[in-house]
Amino acid sequence: MNNLGSDSGYFVTATILENDVTMLVDSGANVSILSKETVENFPYALKPEMFPVQTSLVSVTGEKIPFLEKTEIEICIGTQKIIHTVS
């Protein structure tokens, strides 16, 4: 596991659908957010079914950021594996 600490947060390298992804650890988050580009790079044969959502995130600046879709996937960090909702 690669822990990348910086002034902007604590990052880890996780494996999602056979892809290594650098993720910000947010212990207070209910969901994990992946960029559209990250999801598009997943192997087509491994992509889970995505479900449309009508919700958005409100950033610390008050900006509304819409979620496009959501699903549940396995995220592996080191030897730990969890099933987690991602949008």
Protein backbone atom coordinates (compact mmCIF):
# COMPACT_ATOMS: atom_id res chain seq x y z
CA MET A 1 0.00 0.00 0.00
CA ASN A 2 1.33 3.38 -0.98
CA ASN A 3 0.43 6.18 1.43
CA LEU A 4 0.89 9.58 -0.10
CA GLY A 5 0.64 12.21 2.61
CA SER A 6 0.54 15.87 1.69
CA ASP A 7 -0.88 19.18 2.84
CA SER A 8 -3.93 18.48 0.67
CA GLY A 9 -4.89 15.22 2.37
CA TYR A 10 -4.04 11.58 2.93
CA PHE A 11 -4.00 9.45 -0.23
CA VAL A 12 -3.78 5.68 -0.76
CA THR A 13 -3.48 3.53 -3.82
CA ALA A 14 -6.53 1.29 -4.09
CA THR A 15 -7.42 -1.40 -6.62
CA ILE A 16 -10.82 -1.08 -8.25
CA LEU A 17 -11.81 -3.47 -11.06
CA GLU A 18 -8.17 -4.42 -11.62
CA ASN A 19 -7.08 -0.75 -11.90
CA ASP A 20 -4.81 1.03 -9.44
CA VAL A 21 -6.45 4.31 -8.41
CA THR A 22 -5.03 6.98 -6.10
CA MET A 23 -7.79 7.95 -3.69
CA LEU A 24 -8.16 10.61 -1.01
CA VAL A 25 -9.10 9.08 2.35
CA ASP A 26 -12.14 10.84 3.85
CA SER A 27 -13.18 9.00 6.98
CA GLY A 28 -16.42 10.99 7.22
CA ALA A 29 -17.69 10.26 3.71
CA ASN A 30 -20.77 8.11 3.08
CA VAL A 31 -19.81 7.42 -0.52
CA SER A 32 -16.68 7.50 -2.66
CA ILE A 33 -16.64 9.68 -5.75
CA LEU A 34 -14.83 8.61 -8.90
CA SER A 35 -14.22 10.85 -11.88
CA LYS A 36 -15.98 10.07 -15.14
CA GLU A 37 -12.55 9.50 -16.72
CA THR A 38 -11.62 6.91 -14.06
CA VAL A 39 -14.84 4.96 -14.64
CA GLU A 40 -14.39 5.12 -18.42
CA ASN A 41 -10.94 3.50 -18.04
CA PHE A 42 -12.30 0.39 -16.30
CA PRO A 43 -12.27 -2.73 -18.49
CA TYR A 44 -15.64 -2.99 -20.23
CA ALA A 45 -16.10 -6.64 -19.26
CA LEU A 46 -15.68 -5.79 -15.55
CA LYS A 47 -17.84 -2.67 -15.35
CA PRO A 48 -20.75 -3.11 -12.96
CA GLU A 49 -24.23 -1.93 -13.84
CA MET A 50 -24.53 1.79 -13.14
CA PHE A 51 -27.77 3.34 -11.91
CA PRO A 52 -28.78 6.96 -12.62
CA VAL A 53 -29.20 9.24 -9.61
CA GLN A 54 -30.86 12.59 -9.06
CA THR A 55 -28.61 13.97 -6.36
CA SER A 56 -25.65 16.27 -6.02
CA LEU A 57 -22.81 17.07 -3.70
CA VAL A 58 -22.51 20.53 -2.16
CA SER A 59 -18.86 21.53 -1.91
CA VAL A 60 -17.33 23.57 0.88
CA THR A 61 -17.70 26.64 -1.35
CA GLY A 62 -21.41 25.96 -1.84
CA GLU A 63 -21.01 24.76 -5.43
CA LYS A 64 -23.45 21.97 -6.42
CA ILE A 65 -21.71 19.08 -8.16
CA PRO A 66 -24.11 16.58 -9.73
CA PHE A 67 -23.59 12.84 -9.45
CA LEU A 68 -24.12 11.05 -12.75
CA GLU A 69 -24.61 7.44 -11.64
CA LYS A 70 -23.92 5.10 -8.74
CA THR A 71 -23.06 1.47 -8.14
CA GLU A 72 -21.47 -0.78 -5.54
CA ILE A 73 -18.00 -2.13 -6.22
CA GLU A 74 -15.20 -3.87 -4.39
CA ILE A 75 -12.37 -1.57 -3.34
CA CYS A 76 -9.10 -3.19 -2.22
CA ILE A 77 -6.58 -1.31 -0.11
CA GLY A 78 -3.69 -3.58 0.78
CA THR A 79 -5.25 -6.80 2.05
CA GLN A 80 -8.54 -5.12 3.02
CA LYS A 81 -11.52 -5.55 0.67
CA ILE A 82 -14.79 -3.69 1.05
CA ILE A 83 -17.96 -3.34 -0.99
CA HIS A 84 -18.69 0.36 -1.20
CA THR A 85 -21.12 2.69 -2.95
CA VAL A 86 -19.42 4.89 -5.53
CA SER A 87 -20.82 7.72 -7.59
